Amino acid sequence: MPLSRILYVEDDADVRKVATFALKMVGKFTVEPCASGEEALAKAVAFAPQLLLLDVMMPGMDGPTTLARLRELPEIADVPAVFMTAKVQPQEVSRYRELGSLDVISKPFDPMTLAASVRGIWERRNG
């Protein structure tokens, strides 16, 4: 099944706007942008995403905590996740994968290739 619906969680308004625009316009995805983990929890079930795209470092509820809380929702528990972060040292990437992330997209990202990166991660998972 091709990827079409992404729940995107990013606290930085400028980054959120650029990434959302890139995912929608370049990737042709349906995107539900969220400014916080709390907003993601409130919107996730109704939006029914196929993929969770989560910033790691956010005030309040960070990306790993947001993912853990989303996993508590039966409707979202099995939705694959990808973290976005500037912290991409091998030991950090290993930790994110242990937390349930399919992969990590490094920040800053190229808006023109973000959709292709997300689609590539999805296709590697779904063969």
Protein backbone atom coordinates (compact mmCIF):
# COMPACT_ATOMS: atom_id res chain seq x y z
CA MET A 1 0.00 0.00 0.00
CA PRO A 2 1.50 3.36 -0.98
CA LEU A 3 2.07 5.89 1.76
CA SER A 4 -0.37 8.79 1.72
CA ARG A 5 -1.17 9.95 5.31
CA ILE A 6 1.49 11.37 7.63
CA LEU A 7 1.04 12.74 11.15
CA TYR A 8 3.91 15.21 11.51
CA VAL A 9 4.95 16.52 14.94
CA GLU A 10 7.37 19.47 15.09
CA ASP A 11 7.45 22.28 17.67
CA ASP A 12 9.36 24.80 15.53
CA ALA A 13 6.73 26.67 13.47
CA ASP A 14 9.09 27.54 10.60
CA VAL A 15 10.43 23.99 10.26
CA ARG A 16 6.87 22.63 10.51
CA LYS A 17 5.68 24.93 7.70
CA VAL A 18 8.58 24.08 5.39
CA ALA A 19 8.36 20.33 5.97
CA THR A 20 4.57 20.26 5.69
CA PHE A 21 4.74 22.22 2.43
CA ALA A 22 7.46 19.91 1.07
CA LEU A 23 5.58 16.74 2.04
CA LYS A 24 2.32 18.02 0.53
CA MET A 25 3.59 19.74 -2.61
CA VAL A 26 6.59 17.58 -3.53
CA GLY A 27 5.48 14.29 -2.00
CA LYS A 28 1.72 14.67 -2.61
CA PHE A 29 1.09 13.33 0.91
CA THR A 30 -1.86 14.22 3.12
CA VAL A 31 -0.21 15.73 6.20
CA GLU A 32 -1.60 16.55 9.63
CA PRO A 33 0.93 18.94 11.22
CA CYS A 34 1.05 19.12 15.02
CA ALA A 35 2.97 21.63 17.13
CA SER A 36 3.33 19.34 20.16
CA GLY A 37 3.05 15.81 21.42
CA GLU A 38 -0.19 16.75 23.14
CA GLU A 39 -1.67 17.98 19.86
CA ALA A 40 -0.56 14.75 18.16
CA LEU A 41 -2.32 12.69 20.82
CA ALA A 42 -5.48 14.73 20.32
CA LYS A 43 -5.49 14.40 16.50
CA ALA A 44 -3.93 10.99 15.82
CA VAL A 45 -6.90 8.65 16.03
CA ALA A 46 -9.25 10.83 13.96
CA PHE A 47 -6.56 11.45 11.33
CA ALA A 48 -5.67 7.73 11.05
CA PRO A 49 -2.06 8.17 9.85
CA GLN A 50 -0.05 5.53 8.04
CA LEU A 51 3.21 7.03 9.33
CA LEU A 52 4.25 9.10 12.34
CA LEU A 53 7.00 11.64 11.63
CA LEU A 54 8.28 13.00 14.95
CA ASP A 55 10.77 15.64 15.98
CA VAL A 56 12.92 14.31 18.83
CA MET A 57 13.66 17.46 20.82
CA MET A 58 10.50 19.31 21.81
CA PRO A 59 9.59 21.16 25.00
CA GLY A 60 7.20 19.37 27.30
CA MET A 61 6.61 16.00 25.66
CA ASP A 62 9.61 15.07 23.49
CA GLY A 63 9.43 12.80 20.43
CA PRO A 64 10.23 9.52 22.20
CA THR A 65 7.65 10.26 24.91
CA THR A 66 5.10 11.25 22.27
CA LEU A 67 5.72 7.98 20.43
CA ALA A 68 5.33 5.98 23.65
CA ARG A 69 2.04 7.74 24.39
CA LEU A 70 0.77 7.22 20.83
CA ARG A 71 1.61 3.52 21.14
CA GLU A 72 -0.86 3.37 24.06
CA LEU A 73 -3.72 4.18 21.65
CA PRO A 74 -4.95 0.90 20.14
CA GLU A 75 -5.74 2.54 16.78
CA ILE A 76 -2.20 3.97 16.51
CA ALA A 77 -0.18 1.29 18.30
CA ASP A 78 1.12 -0.35 15.12
CA VAL A 79 1.65 2.76 12.99
CA PRO A 80 5.33 2.98 11.98
CA ALA A 81 7.34 5.98 13.13
CA VAL A 82 10.34 7.95 11.89
CA PHE A 83 12.23 10.45 14.04
CA MET A 84 13.71 13.71 12.76
CA THR A 85 16.63 15.17 14.67
CA ALA A 86 20.00 16.87 14.47
CA LYS A 87 21.37 14.20 16.83
CA VAL A 88 22.31 11.45 14.41
CA GLN A 89 25.39 9.85 15.95
CA PRO A 90 25.30 6.04 15.53
CA GLN A 91 24.55 5.39 19.21
CA GLU A 92 21.68 7.91 19.11
CA VAL A 93 20.22 6.36 15.97
CA SER A 94 20.44 2.93 17.62
CA ARG A 95 18.54 4.29 20.63
CA TYR A 96 15.81 5.74 18.41
CA ARG A 97 15.43 2.39 16.65
CA GLU A 98 15.18 0.66 20.03
CA LEU A 99 12.35 3.07 20.85
CA GLY A 100 10.50 1.91 17.75
CA SER A 101 11.60 4.25 14.97
CA LEU A 102 12.02 2.74 11.50
CA ASP A 103 14.76 5.23 10.72
CA VAL A 104 16.02 8.74 11.43
CA ILE A 105 15.98 11.73 9.10
CA SER A 106 18.68 14.23 9.97
CA LYS A 107 18.03 17.91 10.46
CA PRO A 108 18.52 20.23 8.81
CA PHE A 109 16.85 18.45 5.91
CA ASP A 110 16.57 19.39 2.25
CA PRO A 111 12.90 20.25 1.61
CA MET A 112 13.20 19.06 -1.98
CA THR A 113 14.31 15.56 -0.96
CA LEU A 114 12.34 15.14 2.31
CA ALA A 115 9.39 13.41 0.64
CA ALA A 116 11.71 11.03 -1.23
CA SER A 117 13.51 10.19 2.04
CA VAL A 118 10.21 9.43 3.77
CA ARG A 119 8.94 7.40 0.82
CA GLY A 120 12.24 5.44 0.69
CA ILE A 121 11.98 4.53 4.39
CA TRP A 122 8.35 3.45 3.85
CA GLU A 123 9.20 1.32 0.81
CA ARG A 124 12.13 -0.39 2.57
CA ARG A 125 9.73 -1.36 5.36
CA ASN A 126 6.90 -2.49 3.09
CA GLY A 127 9.00 -4.07 0.36
